[in-house]
């Protein structure tokens, strides 16, 4: 006999998610509306690896 195995769906699976950043107090998804000074601030930030 074969058993019907149902795939368990993980929380959030299949949900499209864009990166959201907090920059100078604002939550933003893209930097396209920022002026050059704000874009430079983003480049100067230190990134931390998530291990």
N, C-alpha and C. Protein backbone atom coordinates (compact mmCIF):
# COMPACT_ATOMS: atom_id res chain seq x y z
N UNK A 1 0.83 -1.19 0.00
CA UNK A 1 0.00 0.00 0.00
C UNK A 1 0.87 1.25 0.00
N UNK A 2 0.52 2.18 -0.82
CA UNK A 2 1.23 3.45 -0.83
C UNK A 2 0.49 4.45 0.05
N UNK A 3 1.25 5.18 0.80
CA UNK A 3 0.65 6.20 1.66
C UNK A 3 0.67 7.53 0.94
N UNK A 4 -0.38 8.27 1.10
CA UNK A 4 -0.39 9.63 0.55
C UNK A 4 0.43 10.51 1.49
N UNK A 5 1.51 11.03 0.97
CA UNK A 5 2.36 11.92 1.76
C UNK A 5 2.07 13.34 1.33
N UNK A 6 1.60 14.12 2.27
CA UNK A 6 1.32 15.52 1.97
C UNK A 6 2.54 16.34 2.32
N UNK A 7 2.88 17.22 1.44
CA UNK A 7 4.01 18.12 1.70
C UNK A 7 3.58 19.17 2.70
N UNK A 8 4.37 19.31 3.74
CA UNK A 8 4.09 20.32 4.75
C UNK A 8 4.63 21.64 4.24
N UNK A 9 3.78 22.63 4.19
CA UNK A 9 4.20 23.94 3.71
C UNK A 9 4.79 24.74 4.86
N UNK A 10 5.97 25.28 4.64
CA UNK A 10 6.64 26.08 5.66
C UNK A 10 6.00 27.47 5.71
N UNK A 11 6.06 28.08 6.88
CA UNK A 11 5.52 29.42 7.05
C UNK A 11 6.27 30.37 6.12
N UNK A 12 5.55 31.13 5.34
CA UNK A 12 6.16 32.09 4.43
C UNK A 12 6.58 31.51 3.08
N UNK A 13 6.46 30.22 2.91
CA UNK A 13 6.86 29.59 1.65
C UNK A 13 5.98 30.09 0.51
N UNK A 14 6.60 30.49 -0.57
CA UNK A 14 5.87 30.97 -1.72
C UNK A 14 5.49 32.44 -1.67
N UNK A 15 5.91 33.13 -0.62
CA UNK A 15 5.60 34.55 -0.48
C UNK A 15 6.77 35.35 -1.01
N UNK A 16 6.51 36.24 -1.96
CA UNK A 16 7.57 37.08 -2.50
C UNK A 16 7.94 38.14 -1.47
N UNK A 17 9.22 38.32 -1.25
CA UNK A 17 9.68 39.27 -0.25
C UNK A 17 10.80 40.11 -0.84
N UNK A 18 10.68 41.41 -0.75
CA UNK A 18 11.73 42.32 -1.16
C UNK A 18 12.52 42.75 0.05
N UNK A 19 13.75 43.10 -0.17
CA UNK A 19 14.59 43.56 0.93
C UNK A 19 14.10 44.92 1.42
N UNK A 20 14.00 45.05 2.73
CA UNK A 20 13.61 46.32 3.32
C UNK A 20 14.73 46.75 4.25
N UNK A 21 15.14 48.00 4.12
CA UNK A 21 16.21 48.55 4.95
C UNK A 21 15.71 49.74 5.73
N UNK A 22 16.34 49.96 6.87
CA UNK A 22 16.03 51.16 7.64
C UNK A 22 17.20 52.11 7.46
N UNK A 23 16.96 53.18 6.73
CA UNK A 23 18.01 54.15 6.44
C UNK A 23 17.55 55.52 6.91
N UNK A 24 18.34 56.12 7.73
CA UNK A 24 18.06 57.45 8.29
C UNK A 24 16.63 57.56 8.82
N UNK A 25 16.18 56.49 9.47
CA UNK A 25 14.86 56.53 10.09
C UNK A 25 13.71 56.15 9.19
N UNK A 26 13.97 55.87 7.92
CA UNK A 26 12.90 55.52 6.98
C UNK A 26 13.05 54.07 6.56
N UNK A 27 11.93 53.37 6.42
CA UNK A 27 11.95 52.03 5.87
C UNK A 27 11.81 52.14 4.35
N UNK A 28 12.81 51.62 3.65
CA UNK A 28 12.80 51.72 2.19
C UNK A 28 13.09 50.36 1.57
N UNK A 29 12.56 50.15 0.38
CA UNK A 29 12.83 48.93 -0.35
C UNK A 29 13.92 49.13 -1.39
N UNK A 30 13.90 50.28 -2.05
CA UNK A 30 14.91 50.57 -3.06
C UNK A 30 15.51 51.94 -2.78
N UNK A 31 16.68 52.15 -3.35
CA UNK A 31 17.38 53.41 -3.13
C UNK A 31 17.22 54.38 -4.29
N UNK A 32 16.37 54.06 -5.24
CA UNK A 32 16.27 54.86 -6.46
C UNK A 32 15.77 56.29 -6.22
N UNK A 33 15.08 56.54 -5.12
CA UNK A 33 14.57 57.89 -4.86
C UNK A 33 15.49 58.70 -3.93
N UNK A 34 16.60 58.07 -3.50
CA UNK A 34 17.53 58.76 -2.60
C UNK A 34 18.47 59.66 -3.39
N UNK A 35 18.88 60.76 -2.77
CA UNK A 35 19.86 61.62 -3.41
C UNK A 35 21.26 61.01 -3.26
N UNK A 36 22.26 61.62 -3.88
CA UNK A 36 23.61 61.06 -3.88
C UNK A 36 24.20 60.93 -2.48
N UNK A 37 23.91 61.88 -1.60
CA UNK A 37 24.46 61.83 -0.24
C UNK A 37 23.92 60.61 0.51
N UNK A 38 22.64 60.33 0.39
CA UNK A 38 22.05 59.17 1.07
C UNK A 38 22.59 57.87 0.48
N UNK A 39 22.77 57.83 -0.84
CA UNK A 39 23.33 56.63 -1.48
C UNK A 39 24.76 56.38 -1.01
N UNK A 40 25.55 57.43 -0.84
CA UNK A 40 26.92 57.30 -0.34
C UNK A 40 26.92 56.81 1.11
N UNK A 41 25.97 57.27 1.89
CA UNK A 41 25.84 56.81 3.27
C UNK A 41 25.62 55.30 3.32
N UNK A 42 24.80 54.80 2.42
CA UNK A 42 24.54 53.36 2.35
C UNK A 42 25.81 52.61 1.99
N UNK A 43 26.58 53.14 1.03
CA UNK A 43 27.83 52.48 0.62
C UNK A 43 28.86 52.44 1.73
N UNK A 44 28.87 53.47 2.60
CA UNK A 44 29.86 53.56 3.66
C UNK A 44 29.54 52.67 4.87
N UNK A 45 28.37 52.12 4.93
CA UNK A 45 27.98 51.32 6.07
C UNK A 45 28.74 49.99 6.12
N UNK A 46 28.92 49.50 7.33
CA UNK A 46 29.57 48.21 7.54
C UNK A 46 28.51 47.12 7.45
N UNK A 47 28.79 46.07 6.68
CA UNK A 47 27.86 44.96 6.60
C UNK A 47 28.33 43.82 7.49
N UNK A 48 27.42 43.11 8.05
CA UNK A 48 27.72 41.99 8.94
C UNK A 48 27.20 40.72 8.31
N UNK A 49 28.04 39.70 8.27
CA UNK A 49 27.64 38.43 7.69
C UNK A 49 26.77 37.66 8.68
N UNK A 50 25.74 37.05 8.18
CA UNK A 50 24.87 36.22 9.02
C UNK A 50 25.30 34.78 8.85
N UNK A 51 25.97 34.25 9.85
CA UNK A 51 26.42 32.85 9.78
C UNK A 51 25.63 31.98 10.69
